Amino acid sequence: MVNDCYIRVWDDQTGNEILRYNLKEQFTNEDALVFGRFIKVGSSWEFVASGEKHNGSLGKLIELFT
């Protein structure tokens, strides 16, 4: 169980936070989680939040993307 879980992206040159995604839902039985994905749109990148929960370990989750 992890409380106050989030990810953030920041500009390494300025130190400014660009994005913060707070995970509000509680997960109790899952052992892997996808917060979201970066996708390229034209010449820029966007973050799409998802909060997808999975069971079967990180290895099983990786198999979904290979």
PDB file of N, CA and C in Angstrom:
ATOM      1  N   MET A   1       0.854  -1.183   0.000  1.00  0.00           N
ATOM      2  CA  MET A   1       0.000   0.000   0.000  1.00  0.00           C
ATOM      3  C   MET A   1       0.893   1.237   0.000  1.00  0.00           C
ATOM      4  N   VAL A   2       0.639   2.125  -0.912  1.00  0.00           N
ATOM      5  CA  VAL A   2       1.411   3.370  -1.000  1.00  0.00           C
ATOM      6  C   VAL A   2       0.434   4.531  -0.901  1.00  0.00           C
ATOM      7  N   ASN A   3       0.725   5.462  -0.037  1.00  0.00           N
ATOM      8  CA  ASN A   3      -0.121   6.646   0.127  1.00  0.00           C
ATOM      9  C   ASN A   3       0.503   7.836  -0.598  1.00  0.00           C
ATOM     10  N   ASP A   4      -0.345   8.750  -1.039  1.00  0.00           N
ATOM     11  CA  ASP A   4       0.103   9.986  -1.691  1.00  0.00           C
ATOM     12  C   ASP A   4       1.045   9.717  -2.862  1.00  0.00           C
ATOM     13  N   CYS A   5       0.642   8.823  -3.734  1.00  0.00           N
ATOM     14  CA  CYS A   5       1.464   8.423  -4.866  1.00  0.00           C
ATOM     15  C   CYS A   5       1.252   9.391  -6.037  1.00  0.00           C
ATOM     16  N   TYR A   6       2.339   9.790  -6.684  1.00  0.00           N
ATOM     17  CA  TYR A   6       2.253  10.685  -7.835  1.00  0.00           C
ATOM     18  C   TYR A   6       3.493  10.529  -8.698  1.00  0.00           C
ATOM     19  N   ILE A   7       3.391  11.006  -9.916  1.00  0.00           N
ATOM     20  CA  ILE A   7       4.570  11.155 -10.760  1.00  0.00           C
ATOM     21  C   ILE A   7       4.626  12.614 -11.181  1.00  0.00           C
ATOM     22  N   ARG A   8       5.821  13.055 -11.509  1.00  0.00           N
ATOM     23  CA  ARG A   8       5.953  14.424 -11.993  1.00  0.00           C
ATOM     24  C   ARG A   8       7.049  14.483 -13.036  1.00  0.00           C
ATOM     25  N   VAL A   9       6.906  15.459 -13.913  1.00  0.00           N
ATOM     26  CA  VAL A   9       7.883  15.711 -14.961  1.00  0.00           C
ATOM     27  C   VAL A   9       8.318  17.158 -14.799  1.00  0.00           C
ATOM     28  N   TRP A  10       9.607  17.378 -14.877  1.00  0.00           N
ATOM     29  CA  TRP A  10      10.089  18.744 -14.744  1.00  0.00           C
ATOM     30  C   TRP A  10      11.137  19.044 -15.799  1.00  0.00           C
ATOM     31  N   ASP A  11      11.318  20.309 -16.058  1.00  0.00           N
ATOM     32  CA  ASP A  11      12.325  20.796 -16.998  1.00  0.00           C
ATOM     33  C   ASP A  11      13.668  20.765 -16.267  1.00  0.00           C
ATOM     34  N   ASP A  12      14.565  19.927 -16.741  1.00  0.00           N
ATOM     35  CA  ASP A  12      15.849  19.754 -16.081  1.00  0.00           C
ATOM     36  C   ASP A  12      16.699  21.022 -16.112  1.00  0.00           C
ATOM     37  N   GLN A  13      16.512  21.857 -17.124  1.00  0.00           N
ATOM     38  CA  GLN A  13      17.310  23.077 -17.239  1.00  0.00           C
ATOM     39  C   GLN A  13      16.839  24.162 -16.277  1.00  0.00           C
ATOM     40  N   THR A  14      15.520  24.298 -16.120  1.00  0.00           N
ATOM     41  CA  THR A  14      14.999  25.365 -15.256  1.00  0.00           C
ATOM     42  C   THR A  14      14.600  24.875 -13.869  1.00  0.00           C
ATOM     43  N   GLY A  15      14.370  23.558 -13.738  1.00  0.00           N
ATOM     44  CA  GLY A  15      13.898  23.012 -12.472  1.00  0.00           C
ATOM     45  C   GLY A  15      12.402  23.188 -12.272  1.00  0.00           C
ATOM     46  N   ASN A  16      11.708  23.749 -13.260  1.00  0.00           N
ATOM     47  CA  ASN A  16      10.261  23.967 -13.146  1.00  0.00           C
ATOM     48  C   ASN A  16       9.493  22.679 -13.398  1.00  0.00           C
ATOM     49  N   GLU A  17       8.492  22.451 -12.571  1.00  0.00           N
ATOM     50  CA  GLU A  17       7.617  21.301 -12.763  1.00  0.00           C
ATOM     51  C   GLU A  17       6.705  21.559 -13.961  1.00  0.00           C
ATOM     52  N   ILE A  18       6.647  20.606 -14.875  1.00  0.00           N
ATOM     53  CA  ILE A  18       5.821  20.734 -16.072  1.00  0.00           C
ATOM     54  C   ILE A  18       4.493  20.018 -15.877  1.00  0.00           C
ATOM     55  N   LEU A  19       4.531  18.893 -15.185  1.00  0.00           N
ATOM     56  CA  LEU A  19       3.362  18.055 -15.049  1.00  0.00           C
ATOM     57  C   LEU A  19       3.420  17.302 -13.725  1.00  0.00           C
ATOM     58  N   ARG A  20       2.283  17.186 -13.066  1.00  0.00           N
ATOM     59  CA  ARG A  20       2.161  16.331 -11.878  1.00  0.00           C
ATOM     60  C   ARG A  20       0.848  15.579 -11.994  1.00  0.00           C
ATOM     61  N   TYR A  21       0.929  14.269 -11.808  1.00  0.00           N
ATOM     62  CA  TYR A  21      -0.258  13.428 -11.863  1.00  0.00           C
ATOM     63  C   TYR A  21      -0.382  12.731 -10.521  1.00  0.00           C
ATOM     64  N   ASN A  22      -1.391  13.126  -9.748  1.00  0.00           N
ATOM     65  CA  ASN A  22      -1.649  12.518  -8.447  1.00  0.00           C
ATOM     66  C   ASN A  22      -2.584  11.338  -8.619  1.00  0.00           C
ATOM     67  N   LEU A  23      -2.182  10.209  -8.101  1.00  0.00           N
ATOM     68  CA  LEU A  23      -3.019   9.022  -8.164  1.00  0.00           C
ATOM     69  C   LEU A  23      -3.937   9.032  -6.950  1.00  0.00           C
ATOM     70  N   LYS A  24      -5.217   9.267  -7.171  1.00  0.00           N
ATOM     71  CA  LYS A  24      -6.168   9.416  -6.079  1.00  0.00           C
ATOM     72  C   LYS A  24      -6.799   8.100  -5.667  1.00  0.00           C
ATOM     73  N   GLU A  25      -6.887   7.170  -6.602  1.00  0.00           N
ATOM     74  CA  GLU A  25      -7.530   5.890  -6.313  1.00  0.00           C
ATOM     75  C   GLU A  25      -6.625   5.009  -5.454  1.00  0.00           C
ATOM     76  N   GLN A  26      -7.222   4.232  -4.571  1.00  0.00           N
ATOM     77  CA  GLN A  26      -6.483   3.286  -3.748  1.00  0.00           C
ATOM     78  C   GLN A  26      -6.445   1.934  -4.444  1.00  0.00           C
ATOM     79  N   PHE A  27      -5.299   1.354  -4.543  1.00  0.00           N
ATOM     80  CA  PHE A  27      -5.141   0.024  -5.119  1.00  0.00           C
ATOM     81  C   PHE A  27      -4.668  -0.900  -4.006  1.00  0.00           C
ATOM     82  N   THR A  28      -5.330  -2.013  -3.841  1.00  0.00           N
ATOM     83  CA  THR A  28      -4.979  -2.897  -2.735  1.00  0.00           C
ATOM     84  C   THR A  28      -4.488  -4.266  -3.181  1.00  0.00           C
ATOM     85  N   ASN A  29      -4.981  -4.783  -4.284  1.00  0.00           N
ATOM     86  CA  ASN A  29      -4.632  -6.137  -4.707  1.00  0.00           C
ATOM     87  C   ASN A  29      -3.767  -6.176  -5.961  1.00  0.00           C
ATOM     88  N   GLU A  30      -3.464  -5.041  -6.537  1.00  0.00           N
ATOM     89  CA  GLU A  30      -2.702  -4.985  -7.777  1.00  0.00           C
ATOM     90  C   GLU A  30      -1.214  -4.911  -7.470  1.00  0.00           C
ATOM     91  N   ASP A  31      -0.412  -5.425  -8.408  1.00  0.00           N
ATOM     92  CA  ASP A  31       1.032  -5.367  -8.193  1.00  0.00           C
ATOM     93  C   ASP A  31       1.785  -4.637  -9.302  1.00  0.00           C
ATOM     94  N   ALA A  32       1.051  -4.020 -10.232  1.00  0.00           N
ATOM     95  CA  ALA A  32       1.662  -3.200 -11.272  1.00  0.00           C
ATOM     96  C   ALA A  32       0.656  -2.134 -11.700  1.00  0.00           C
ATOM     97  N   LEU A  33       1.160  -0.981 -12.074  1.00  0.00           N
ATOM     98  CA  LEU A  33       0.293   0.138 -12.405  1.00  0.00           C
ATOM     99  C   LEU A  33       0.914   0.973 -13.507  1.00  0.00           C
ATOM    100  N   VAL A  34       0.086   1.361 -14.475  1.00  0.00           N
ATOM    101  CA  VAL A  34       0.508   2.291 -15.521  1.00  0.00           C
ATOM    102  C   VAL A  34      -0.156   3.621 -15.206  1.00  0.00           C
ATOM    103  N   PHE A  35       0.631   4.633 -14.870  1.00  0.00           N
ATOM    104  CA  PHE A  35       0.078   5.951 -14.573  1.00  0.00           C
ATOM    105  C   PHE A  35      -0.471   6.611 -15.817  1.00  0.00           C
ATOM    106  N   GLY A  36       0.269   6.480 -16.909  1.00  0.00           N
ATOM    107  CA  GLY A  36      -0.132   7.115 -18.153  1.00  0.00           C
ATOM    108  C   GLY A  36       0.937   6.916 -19.207  1.00  0.00           C
ATOM    109  N   ARG A  37       0.759   7.587 -20.319  1.00  0.00           N
ATOM    110  CA  ARG A  37       1.695   7.455 -21.436  1.00  0.00           C
ATOM    111  C   ARG A  37       1.989   8.827 -22.033  1.00  0.00           C
ATOM    112  N   PHE A  38       3.182   8.938 -22.561  1.00  0.00           N
ATOM    113  CA  PHE A  38       3.520  10.094 -23.384  1.00  0.00           C
ATOM    114  C   PHE A  38       3.277   9.701 -24.829  1.00  0.00           C
ATOM    115  N   ILE A  39       2.589  10.565 -25.567  1.00  0.00           N
ATOM    116  CA  ILE A  39       2.346  10.319 -26.984  1.00  0.00           C
ATOM    117  C   ILE A  39       2.802  11.538 -27.777  1.00  0.00           C
ATOM    118  N   LYS A  40       3.299  11.277 -28.966  1.00  0.00           N
ATOM    119  CA  LYS A  40       3.741  12.372 -29.821  1.00  0.00           C
ATOM    120  C   LYS A  40       2.574  12.823 -30.677  1.00  0.00           C
ATOM    121  N   VAL A  41       2.306  14.121 -30.629  1.00  0.00           N
ATOM    122  CA  VAL A  41       1.236  14.732 -31.411  1.00  0.00           C
ATOM    123  C   VAL A  41       1.885  15.828 -32.247  1.00  0.00           C
ATOM    124  N   GLY A  42       2.007  15.551 -33.527  1.00  0.00           N
ATOM    125  CA  GLY A  42       2.726  16.500 -34.376  1.00  0.00           C
ATOM    126  C   GLY A  42       4.183  16.552 -33.962  1.00  0.00           C
ATOM    127  N   SER A  43       4.660  17.729 -33.601  1.00  0.00           N
ATOM    128  CA  SER A  43       6.048  17.870 -33.170  1.00  0.00           C
ATOM    129  C   SER A  43       6.182  17.998 -31.656  1.00  0.00           C
ATOM    130  N   SER A  44       5.083  17.849 -30.927  1.00  0.00           N
ATOM    131  CA  SER A  44       5.148  17.971 -29.467  1.00  0.00           C
ATOM    132  C   SER A  44       4.713  16.672 -28.793  1.00  0.00           C
ATOM    133  N   TRP A  45       4.890  16.612 -27.489  1.00  0.00           N
ATOM    134  CA  TRP A  45       4.529  15.442 -26.693  1.00  0.00           C
ATOM    135  C   TRP A  45       3.415  15.799 -25.729  1.00  0.00           C
ATOM    136  N   GLU A  46       2.506  14.853 -25.504  1.00  0.00           N
ATOM    137  CA  GLU A  46       1.415  15.033 -24.546  1.00  0.00           C
ATOM    138  C   GLU A  46       1.389  13.850 -23.600  1.00  0.00           C
ATOM    139  N   PHE A  47       0.933  14.108 -22.374  1.00  0.00           N
ATOM    140  CA  PHE A  47       0.778  13.051 -21.381  1.00  0.00           C
ATOM    141  C   PHE A  47      -0.698  12.693 -21.284  1.00  0.00           C
ATOM    142  N   VAL A  48      -0.999  11.405 -21.380  1.00  0.00           N
ATOM    143  CA  VAL A  48      -2.369  10.915 -21.258  1.00  0.00           C
ATOM    144  C   VAL A  48      -2.439  10.069 -19.991  1.00  0.00           C
ATOM    145  N   ALA A  49      -3.148  10.554 -18.984  1.00  0.00           N
ATOM    146  CA  ALA A  49      -3.275   9.836 -17.717  1.00  0.00           C
ATOM    147  C   ALA A  49      -4.201   8.642 -17.894  1.00  0.00           C
ATOM    148  N   SER A  50      -3.863   7.511 -17.226  1.00  0.00           N
ATOM    149  CA  SER A  50      -4.724   6.340 -17.363  1.00  0.00           C
ATOM    150  C   SER A  50      -5.021   5.646 -16.036  1.00  0.00           C
ATOM    151  N   GLY A  51      -4.047   5.490 -15.163  1.00  0.00           N
ATOM    152  CA  GLY A  51      -4.276   4.807 -13.893  1.00  0.00           C
ATOM    153  C   GLY A  51      -4.718   3.362 -14.077  1.00  0.00           C
ATOM    154  N   GLU A  52      -4.099   2.651 -15.016  1.00  0.00           N
ATOM    155  CA  GLU A  52      -4.467   1.257 -15.294  1.00  0.00           C
ATOM    156  C   GLU A  52      -3.814   0.332 -14.273  1.00  0.00           C
ATOM    157  N   LYS A  53      -4.609  -0.493 -13.628  1.00  0.00           N
ATOM    158  CA  LYS A  53      -4.074  -1.432 -12.648  1.00  0.00           C
ATOM    159  C   LYS A  53      -3.973  -2.819 -13.262  1.00  0.00           C
ATOM    160  N   HIS A  54      -2.970  -3.570 -12.816  1.00  0.00           N
ATOM    161  CA  HIS A  54      -2.722  -4.899 -13.365  1.00  0.00           C
ATOM    162  C   HIS A  54      -2.297  -5.850 -12.252  1.00  0.00           C
ATOM    163  N   ASN A  55      -2.551  -7.126 -12.471  1.00  0.00           N
ATOM    164  CA  ASN A  55      -2.071  -8.192 -11.600  1.00  0.00           C
ATOM    165  C   ASN A  55      -1.164  -9.097 -12.406  1.00  0.00           C
ATOM    166  N   GLY A  56      -0.196  -9.690 -11.758  1.00  0.00           N
ATOM    167  CA  GLY A  56       0.683 -10.633 -12.434  1.00  0.00           C
ATOM    168  C   GLY A  56       2.128 -10.195 -12.459  1.00  0.00           C
ATOM    169  N   SER A  57       2.475  -9.177 -11.744  1.00  0.00           N
ATOM    170  CA  SER A  57       3.841  -8.674 -11.592  1.00  0.00           C
ATOM    171  C   SER A  57       4.237  -7.724 -12.726  1.00  0.00           C
ATOM    172  N   LEU A  58       5.336  -7.073 -12.518  1.00  0.00           N
ATOM    173  CA  LEU A  58       5.847  -6.130 -13.508  1.00  0.00           C
ATOM    174  C   LEU A  58       6.193  -6.851 -14.807  1.00  0.00           C
ATOM    175  N   GLY A  59       6.735  -8.044 -14.705  1.00  0.00           N
ATOM    176  CA  GLY A  59       7.079  -8.806 -15.900  1.00  0.00           C
ATOM    177  C   GLY A  59       5.876  -9.043 -16.794  1.00  0.00           C
ATOM    178  N   LYS A  60       4.753  -9.374 -16.213  1.00  0.00           N
ATOM    179  CA  LYS A  60       3.519  -9.596 -16.974  1.00  0.00           C
ATOM    180  C   LYS A  60       3.072  -8.300 -17.641  1.00  0.00           C
ATOM    181  N   LEU A  61       3.193  -7.189 -16.926  1.00  0.00           N
ATOM    182  CA  LEU A  61       2.832  -5.889 -17.478  1.00  0.00           C
ATOM    183  C   LEU A  61       3.700  -5.548 -18.686  1.00  0.00           C
ATOM    184  N   ILE A  62       4.979  -5.806 -18.583  1.00  0.00           N
ATOM    185  CA  ILE A  62       5.904  -5.522 -19.688  1.00  0.00           C
ATOM    186  C   ILE A  62       5.523  -6.345 -20.916  1.00  0.00           C
ATOM    187  N   GLU A  63       5.096  -7.574 -20.718  1.00  0.00           N
ATOM    188  CA  GLU A  63       4.683  -8.417 -21.839  1.00  0.00           C
ATOM    189  C   GLU A  63       3.551  -7.791 -22.647  1.00  0.00           C
ATOM    190  N   LEU A  64       2.696  -7.012 -22.000  1.00  0.00           N
ATOM    191  CA  LEU A  64       1.598  -6.361 -22.705  1.00  0.00           C
ATOM    192  C   LEU A  64       2.089  -5.339 -23.723  1.00  0.00           C
ATOM    193  N   PHE A  65       3.298  -4.823 -23.545  1.00  0.00           N
ATOM    194  CA  PHE A  65       3.825  -3.777 -24.397  1.00  0.00           C
ATOM    195  C   PHE A  65       4.916  -4.265 -25.348  1.00  0.00           C
ATOM    196  N   THR A  66       5.168  -5.562 -25.351  1.00  0.00           N
ATOM    197  CA  THR A  66       6.209  -6.087 -26.252  1.00  0.00           C
ATOM    198  C   THR A  66       5.606  -6.949 -27.321  1.00  0.00           C
TER     199      THR A  66
END
